[in-house]
Amino acid sequence: MVAKHKEATQVEVQLPNLNIKLDGSLLSADPQKFVVLLDEAFSDSWHLLRGGATIFLFIRAKEMLYRIQAQVAQINLPVIVCLLSSPPALVDRRSEKRYVVSMITHITVDDTVLEARITNISRSGVRLVLSRALAIGTPTSLTFPVLDGAHEISAKGEVRYCIPAEDKSRWFHGVQFTDLTRTDALWLAKLFP
């Protein structure tokens, strides 16, 4: 059994022709190959891996998501060695245009109110900076002012990602709106088209 390092970079391995996704951790990387430790929770799909198969690796680094095409060179489960066949390509999964802002919000998580800063906003969500990490999938409620405080948007959301800053003193969170009133949705569409 290979021990997982606490600070390991998380990797999503996709087998494109089979529509299979496997989670793992990056054990080592160089310009030609990556060594990935697969998460044992996905062991029922390991038998689908084949030497020479084309896969995609999705890696989050410095707040950005990258996609790398690779070929499986060696399989010694739960470890696979992948030879890179393309340079890293930046992935933008956003469905809405983002607008850079800087505004204070209050977010409620499990009956605890936290202060956060919104650094970008769209009709579908916000990017928050918090002094602590929230788990992916955490339900939230947030309120923030628009129109110089003339109106306040109230929304329920869900944490979609959490990335530590390099100094580990704050965390960047993507929160997708899951519930907005019709009025607040119209305000967002008007202010952030």
C-alpha atoms as a PDB file:
ATOM      1  CA  MET A   1       0.000   0.000   0.000  1.00  0.00           C
ATOM      2  CA  VAL A   2       1.335   3.445  -0.922  1.00  0.00           C
ATOM      3  CA  ALA A   3       0.848   6.150   1.721  1.00  0.00           C
ATOM      4  CA  LYS A   4      -0.924   9.288   0.590  1.00  0.00           C
ATOM      5  CA  HIS A   5       0.966  12.522   1.326  1.00  0.00           C
ATOM      6  CA  LYS A   6      -1.117  15.175   3.154  1.00  0.00           C
ATOM      7  CA  GLU A   7      -0.204  17.972   0.724  1.00  0.00           C
ATOM      8  CA  ALA A   8      -0.565  15.876  -2.446  1.00  0.00           C
ATOM      9  CA  THR A   9      -2.043  17.550  -5.501  1.00  0.00           C
ATOM     10  CA  GLN A  10      -5.435  16.075  -6.319  1.00  0.00           C
ATOM     11  CA  VAL A  11      -5.945  14.670  -9.813  1.00  0.00           C
ATOM     12  CA  GLU A  12      -9.052  13.575 -11.690  1.00  0.00           C
ATOM     13  CA  VAL A  13      -8.316  10.861 -14.251  1.00  0.00           C
ATOM     14  CA  GLN A  14     -10.852  10.609 -17.073  1.00  0.00           C
ATOM     15  CA  LEU A  15     -11.174   7.722 -19.488  1.00  0.00           C
ATOM     16  CA  PRO A  16     -12.854   9.683 -22.298  1.00  0.00           C
ATOM     17  CA  ASN A  17     -14.276   6.843 -24.387  1.00  0.00           C
ATOM     18  CA  LEU A  18     -15.859   5.188 -21.339  1.00  0.00           C
ATOM     19  CA  ASN A  19     -17.059   8.328 -19.565  1.00  0.00           C
ATOM     20  CA  ILE A  20     -15.300   7.109 -16.380  1.00  0.00           C
ATOM     21  CA  LYS A  21     -13.718   9.445 -13.810  1.00  0.00           C
ATOM     22  CA  LEU A  22     -11.243   8.323 -11.149  1.00  0.00           C
ATOM     23  CA  ASP A  23      -9.859  10.481  -8.340  1.00  0.00           C
ATOM     24  CA  GLY A  24      -6.274  10.312  -7.232  1.00  0.00           C
ATOM     25  CA  SER A  25      -3.195  12.159  -6.002  1.00  0.00           C
ATOM     26  CA  LEU A  26      -0.115  13.206  -7.916  1.00  0.00           C
ATOM     27  CA  LEU A  27       2.911  11.356  -6.499  1.00  0.00           C
ATOM     28  CA  SER A  28       5.498  12.821  -8.868  1.00  0.00           C
ATOM     29  CA  ALA A  29       5.677  14.858 -12.037  1.00  0.00           C
ATOM     30  CA  ASP A  30       8.266  15.829 -14.595  1.00  0.00           C
ATOM     31  CA  PRO A  31       7.932  17.322 -18.100  1.00  0.00           C
ATOM     32  CA  GLN A  32       7.397  13.868 -19.647  1.00  0.00           C
ATOM     33  CA  LYS A  33       5.455  11.794 -17.131  1.00  0.00           C
ATOM     34  CA  PHE A  34       3.155  11.899 -14.121  1.00  0.00           C
ATOM     35  CA  VAL A  35       2.816   9.215 -11.464  1.00  0.00           C
ATOM     36  CA  VAL A  36      -0.684   9.046  -9.961  1.00  0.00           C
ATOM     37  CA  LEU A  37      -1.957   7.213  -6.879  1.00  0.00           C
ATOM     38  CA  LEU A  38      -5.598   6.278  -7.504  1.00  0.00           C
ATOM     39  CA  ASP A  39      -8.160   6.637  -4.737  1.00  0.00           C
ATOM     40  CA  GLU A  40      -9.246   3.199  -3.512  1.00  0.00           C
ATOM     41  CA  ALA A  41     -12.892   4.340  -3.409  1.00  0.00           C
ATOM     42  CA  PHE A  42     -12.876   3.925  -7.202  1.00  0.00           C
ATOM     43  CA  SER A  43     -11.238   0.471  -7.276  1.00  0.00           C
ATOM     44  CA  ASP A  44     -14.289  -1.120  -8.927  1.00  0.00           C
ATOM     45  CA  SER A  45     -13.382   0.835 -12.119  1.00  0.00           C
ATOM     46  CA  TRP A  46      -9.644   0.119 -12.110  1.00  0.00           C
ATOM     47  CA  HIS A  47     -10.075  -2.911 -14.379  1.00  0.00           C
ATOM     48  CA  LEU A  48     -11.004  -0.490 -17.194  1.00  0.00           C
ATOM     49  CA  LEU A  49      -7.465   0.959 -17.275  1.00  0.00           C
ATOM     50  CA  ARG A  50      -5.286  -0.428 -20.070  1.00  0.00           C
ATOM     51  CA  GLY A  51      -1.668   0.167 -20.992  1.00  0.00           C
ATOM     52  CA  GLY A  52      -1.464   2.578 -23.929  1.00  0.00           C
ATOM     53  CA  ALA A  53      -4.966   3.988 -23.263  1.00  0.00           C
ATOM     54  CA  THR A  54      -5.463   7.703 -23.822  1.00  0.00           C
ATOM     55  CA  ILE A  55      -6.639   9.482 -20.676  1.00  0.00           C
ATOM     56  CA  PHE A  56      -7.133  13.059 -19.518  1.00  0.00           C
ATOM     57  CA  LEU A  57      -5.674  14.325 -16.248  1.00  0.00           C
ATOM     58  CA  PHE A  58      -7.375  17.298 -14.589  1.00  0.00           C
ATOM     59  CA  ILE A  59      -5.119  19.050 -12.083  1.00  0.00           C
ATOM     60  CA  ARG A  60      -5.804  22.167 -10.019  1.00  0.00           C
ATOM     61  CA  ALA A  61      -2.729  24.338  -9.474  1.00  0.00           C
ATOM     62  CA  LYS A  62      -2.568  27.922  -8.202  1.00  0.00           C
ATOM     63  CA  GLU A  63      -6.337  28.363  -8.387  1.00  0.00           C
ATOM     64  CA  MET A  64      -6.504  27.223 -12.027  1.00  0.00           C
ATOM     65  CA  LEU A  65      -7.703  23.944 -13.518  1.00  0.00           C
ATOM     66  CA  TYR A  66      -5.557  22.301 -16.198  1.00  0.00           C
ATOM     67  CA  ARG A  67      -6.266  19.410 -18.571  1.00  0.00           C
ATOM     68  CA  ILE A  68      -3.442  17.217 -19.809  1.00  0.00           C
ATOM     69  CA  GLN A  69      -3.783  14.443 -22.366  1.00  0.00           C
ATOM     70  CA  ALA A  70      -1.655  11.419 -21.521  1.00  0.00           C
ATOM     71  CA  GLN A  71      -1.170   7.733 -22.240  1.00  0.00           C
ATOM     72  CA  VAL A  72      -1.091   5.047 -19.583  1.00  0.00           C
ATOM     73  CA  ALA A  73       2.475   3.690 -19.650  1.00  0.00           C
ATOM     74  CA  GLN A  74       2.530   1.433 -16.575  1.00  0.00           C
ATOM     75  CA  ILE A  75      -0.112   0.056 -14.269  1.00  0.00           C
ATOM     76  CA  ASN A  76       0.828  -1.177 -10.795  1.00  0.00           C
ATOM     77  CA  LEU A  77      -2.463  -0.540  -9.004  1.00  0.00           C
ATOM     78  CA  PRO A  78      -3.210   1.663  -7.223  1.00  0.00           C
ATOM     79  CA  VAL A  79      -0.352   3.527  -8.990  1.00  0.00           C
ATOM     80  CA  ILE A  80      -0.304   4.416 -12.691  1.00  0.00           C
ATOM     81  CA  VAL A  81       2.446   6.069 -14.714  1.00  0.00           C
ATOM     82  CA  CYS A  82       1.249   8.398 -17.473  1.00  0.00           C
ATOM     83  CA  LEU A  83       3.303   9.727 -20.379  1.00  0.00           C
ATOM     84  CA  LEU A  84       2.220  13.233 -21.327  1.00  0.00           C
ATOM     85  CA  SER A  85       1.058  13.675 -24.913  1.00  0.00           C
ATOM     86  CA  SER A  86      -0.039  17.325 -24.697  1.00  0.00           C
ATOM     87  CA  PRO A  87       1.015  20.394 -22.749  1.00  0.00           C
ATOM     88  CA  PRO A  88      -1.283  21.499 -19.921  1.00  0.00           C
ATOM     89  CA  ALA A  89      -4.319  23.408 -21.216  1.00  0.00           C
ATOM     90  CA  LEU A  90      -6.257  25.807 -19.027  1.00  0.00           C
ATOM     91  CA  VAL A  91      -9.859  24.692 -18.493  1.00  0.00           C
ATOM     92  CA  ASP A  92     -12.609  27.257 -18.050  1.00  0.00           C
ATOM     93  CA  ARG A  93     -15.746  25.522 -16.774  1.00  0.00           C
ATOM     94  CA  ARG A  94     -17.664  28.727 -16.280  1.00  0.00           C
ATOM     95  CA  SER A  95     -21.000  28.971 -17.988  1.00  0.00           C
ATOM     96  CA  GLU A  96     -21.483  32.671 -17.188  1.00  0.00           C
ATOM     97  CA  LYS A  97     -19.274  35.724 -17.611  1.00  0.00           C
ATOM     98  CA  ARG A  98     -17.478  36.704 -14.392  1.00  0.00           C
ATOM     99  CA  TYR A  99     -17.211  40.296 -13.186  1.00  0.00           C
ATOM    100  CA  VAL A 100     -14.374  41.363 -10.889  1.00  0.00           C
ATOM    101  CA  VAL A 101     -15.713  43.015  -7.737  1.00  0.00           C
ATOM    102  CA  SER A 102     -14.574  43.636  -4.194  1.00  0.00           C
ATOM    103  CA  MET A 103     -17.399  43.572  -1.696  1.00  0.00           C
ATOM    104  CA  ILE A 104     -17.955  42.268   1.796  1.00  0.00           C
ATOM    105  CA  THR A 105     -20.618  39.631   2.329  1.00  0.00           C
ATOM    106  CA  HIS A 106     -21.893  37.615   5.227  1.00  0.00           C
ATOM    107  CA  ILE A 107     -22.186  33.887   4.684  1.00  0.00           C
ATOM    108  CA  THR A 108     -24.028  31.502   6.975  1.00  0.00           C
ATOM    109  CA  VAL A 109     -22.743  27.960   7.333  1.00  0.00           C
ATOM    110  CA  ASP A 110     -24.293  25.616   9.913  1.00  0.00           C
ATOM    111  CA  ASP A 111     -25.809  28.538  11.863  1.00  0.00           C
ATOM    112  CA  THR A 112     -22.422  30.306  11.989  1.00  0.00           C
ATOM    113  CA  VAL A 113     -22.134  33.720  10.318  1.00  0.00           C
ATOM    114  CA  LEU A 114     -18.777  34.389   8.639  1.00  0.00           C
ATOM    115  CA  GLU A 115     -17.506  37.512   6.941  1.00  0.00           C
ATOM    116  CA  ALA A 116     -16.104  37.006   3.446  1.00  0.00           C
ATOM    117  CA  ARG A 117     -14.999  39.086   0.480  1.00  0.00           C
ATOM    118  CA  ILE A 118     -16.554  38.520  -2.943  1.00  0.00           C
ATOM    119  CA  THR A 119     -13.838  38.841  -5.609  1.00  0.00           C
ATOM    120  CA  ASN A 120     -15.923  37.962  -8.661  1.00  0.00           C
ATOM    121  CA  ILE A 121     -19.575  37.458  -9.432  1.00  0.00           C
ATOM    122  CA  SER A 122     -21.824  36.133 -12.177  1.00  0.00           C
ATOM    123  CA  ARG A 123     -25.489  35.316 -12.502  1.00  0.00           C
ATOM    124  CA  SER A 124     -24.741  31.768 -11.323  1.00  0.00           C
ATOM    125  CA  GLY A 125     -22.389  32.303  -8.392  1.00  0.00           C
ATOM    126  CA  VAL A 126     -19.569  34.096  -6.609  1.00  0.00           C
ATOM    127  CA  ARG A 127     -15.942  33.625  -5.708  1.00  0.00           C
ATOM    128  CA  LEU A 128     -15.335  34.221  -2.011  1.00  0.00           C
ATOM    129  CA  VAL A 129     -12.235  34.695   0.094  1.00  0.00           C
ATOM    130  CA  LEU A 130     -12.611  33.357   3.645  1.00  0.00           C
ATOM    131  CA  SER A 131     -10.227  32.990   6.577  1.00  0.00           C
ATOM    132  CA  ARG A 132     -11.101  29.280   6.849  1.00  0.00           C
ATOM    133  CA  ALA A 133     -11.769  26.388   4.501  1.00  0.00           C
ATOM    134  CA  LEU A 134     -15.247  25.062   3.766  1.00  0.00           C
ATOM    135  CA  ALA A 135     -15.807  21.550   2.455  1.00  0.00           C
ATOM    136  CA  ILE A 136     -16.935  21.082  -1.123  1.00  0.00           C
ATOM    137  CA  GLY A 137     -20.698  20.583  -1.148  1.00  0.00           C
ATOM    138  CA  THR A 138     -21.290  22.700   1.968  1.00  0.00           C
ATOM    139  CA  PRO A 139     -24.670  24.464   1.759  1.00  0.00           C
ATOM    140  CA  THR A 140     -24.491  28.200   2.438  1.00  0.00           C
ATOM    141  CA  SER A 141     -26.669  31.282   2.682  1.00  0.00           C
ATOM    142  CA  LEU A 142     -25.230  34.657   1.758  1.00  0.00           C
ATOM    143  CA  THR A 143     -26.297  38.264   1.475  1.00  0.00           C
ATOM    144  CA  PHE A 144     -24.504  41.099  -0.273  1.00  0.00           C
ATOM    145  CA  PRO A 145     -25.335  44.671  -1.258  1.00  0.00           C
ATOM    146  CA  VAL A 146     -25.717  45.927  -4.825  1.00  0.00           C
ATOM    147  CA  LEU A 147     -26.439  49.383  -6.226  1.00  0.00           C
ATOM    148  CA  ASP A 148     -24.296  51.054  -3.550  1.00  0.00           C
ATOM    149  CA  GLY A 149     -26.331  49.380  -0.829  1.00  0.00           C
ATOM    150  CA  ALA A 150     -29.762  50.298  -2.246  1.00  0.00           C
ATOM    151  CA  HIS A 151     -30.659  46.613  -2.645  1.00  0.00           C
ATOM    152  CA  GLU A 152     -29.427  43.452  -0.930  1.00  0.00           C
ATOM    153  CA  ILE A 153     -29.223  40.102  -2.713  1.00  0.00           C
ATOM    154  CA  SER A 154     -29.982  37.020  -0.614  1.00  0.00           C
ATOM    155  CA  ALA A 155     -29.058  33.622  -2.005  1.00  0.00           C
ATOM    156  CA  LYS A 156     -28.557  30.028  -1.019  1.00  0.00           C
ATOM    157  CA  GLY A 157     -25.560  28.331  -2.531  1.00  0.00           C
ATOM    158  CA  GLU A 158     -23.232  25.372  -2.467  1.00  0.00           C
ATOM    159  CA  VAL A 159     -19.435  25.350  -2.242  1.00  0.00           C
ATOM    160  CA  ARG A 160     -18.072  23.974  -5.540  1.00  0.00           C
ATOM    161  CA  TYR A 161     -14.338  24.366  -4.845  1.00  0.00           C
ATOM    162  CA  CYS A 162     -11.984  25.415  -2.062  1.00  0.00           C
ATOM    163  CA  ILE A 163      -8.359  26.351  -2.761  1.00  0.00           C
ATOM    164  CA  PRO A 164      -5.853  27.550  -0.156  1.00  0.00           C
ATOM    165  CA  ALA A 165      -3.827  30.684  -0.845  1.00  0.00           C
ATOM    166  CA  GLU A 166      -0.097  30.092  -1.059  1.00  0.00           C
ATOM    167  CA  ASP A 167       0.410  31.475   2.456  1.00  0.00           C
ATOM    168  CA  LYS A 168      -2.454  29.255   3.787  1.00  0.00           C
ATOM    169  CA  SER A 169      -3.938  32.234   5.678  1.00  0.00           C
ATOM    170  CA  ARG A 170      -7.086  32.345   3.516  1.00  0.00           C
ATOM    171  CA  TRP A 171      -9.072  30.156   1.165  1.00  0.00           C
ATOM    172  CA  PHE A 172     -10.725  30.846  -2.190  1.00  0.00           C
ATOM    173  CA  HIS A 173     -14.193  29.330  -2.592  1.00  0.00           C
ATOM    174  CA  GLY A 174     -16.466  29.018  -5.579  1.00  0.00           C
ATOM    175  CA  VAL A 175     -20.112  29.154  -4.476  1.00  0.00           C
ATOM    176  CA  GLN A 176     -22.800  28.271  -6.992  1.00  0.00           C
ATOM    177  CA  PHE A 177     -26.221  29.777  -6.376  1.00  0.00           C
ATOM    178  CA  THR A 178     -28.856  27.105  -5.754  1.00  0.00           C
ATOM    179  CA  ASP A 179     -31.789  29.293  -4.735  1.00  0.00           C
ATOM    180  CA  LEU A 180     -32.529  32.941  -5.585  1.00  0.00           C
ATOM    181  CA  THR A 181     -35.772  34.862  -5.503  1.00  0.00           C
ATOM    182  CA  ARG A 182     -37.022  35.893  -8.911  1.00  0.00           C
ATOM    183  CA  THR A 183     -36.366  39.542  -8.039  1.00  0.00           C
ATOM    184  CA  ASP A 184     -32.754  38.850  -6.999  1.00  0.00           C
ATOM    185  CA  ALA A 185     -32.168  36.729 -10.115  1.00  0.00           C
ATOM    186  CA  LEU A 186     -33.424  39.617 -12.270  1.00  0.00           C
ATOM    187  CA  TRP A 187     -31.148  42.085 -10.459  1.00  0.00           C
ATOM    188  CA  LEU A 188     -28.142  39.832 -11.071  1.00  0.00           C
ATOM    189  CA  ALA A 189     -29.070  39.421 -14.757  1.00  0.00           C
ATOM    190  CA  LYS A 190     -29.405  43.196 -15.135  1.00  0.00           C
ATOM    191  CA  LEU A 191     -26.221  44.126 -13.236  1.00  0.00           C
ATOM    192  CA  PHE A 192     -24.043  41.233 -14.433  1.00  0.00           C
ATOM    193  CA  PRO A 193     -25.351  40.258 -17.909  1.00  0.00           C
END
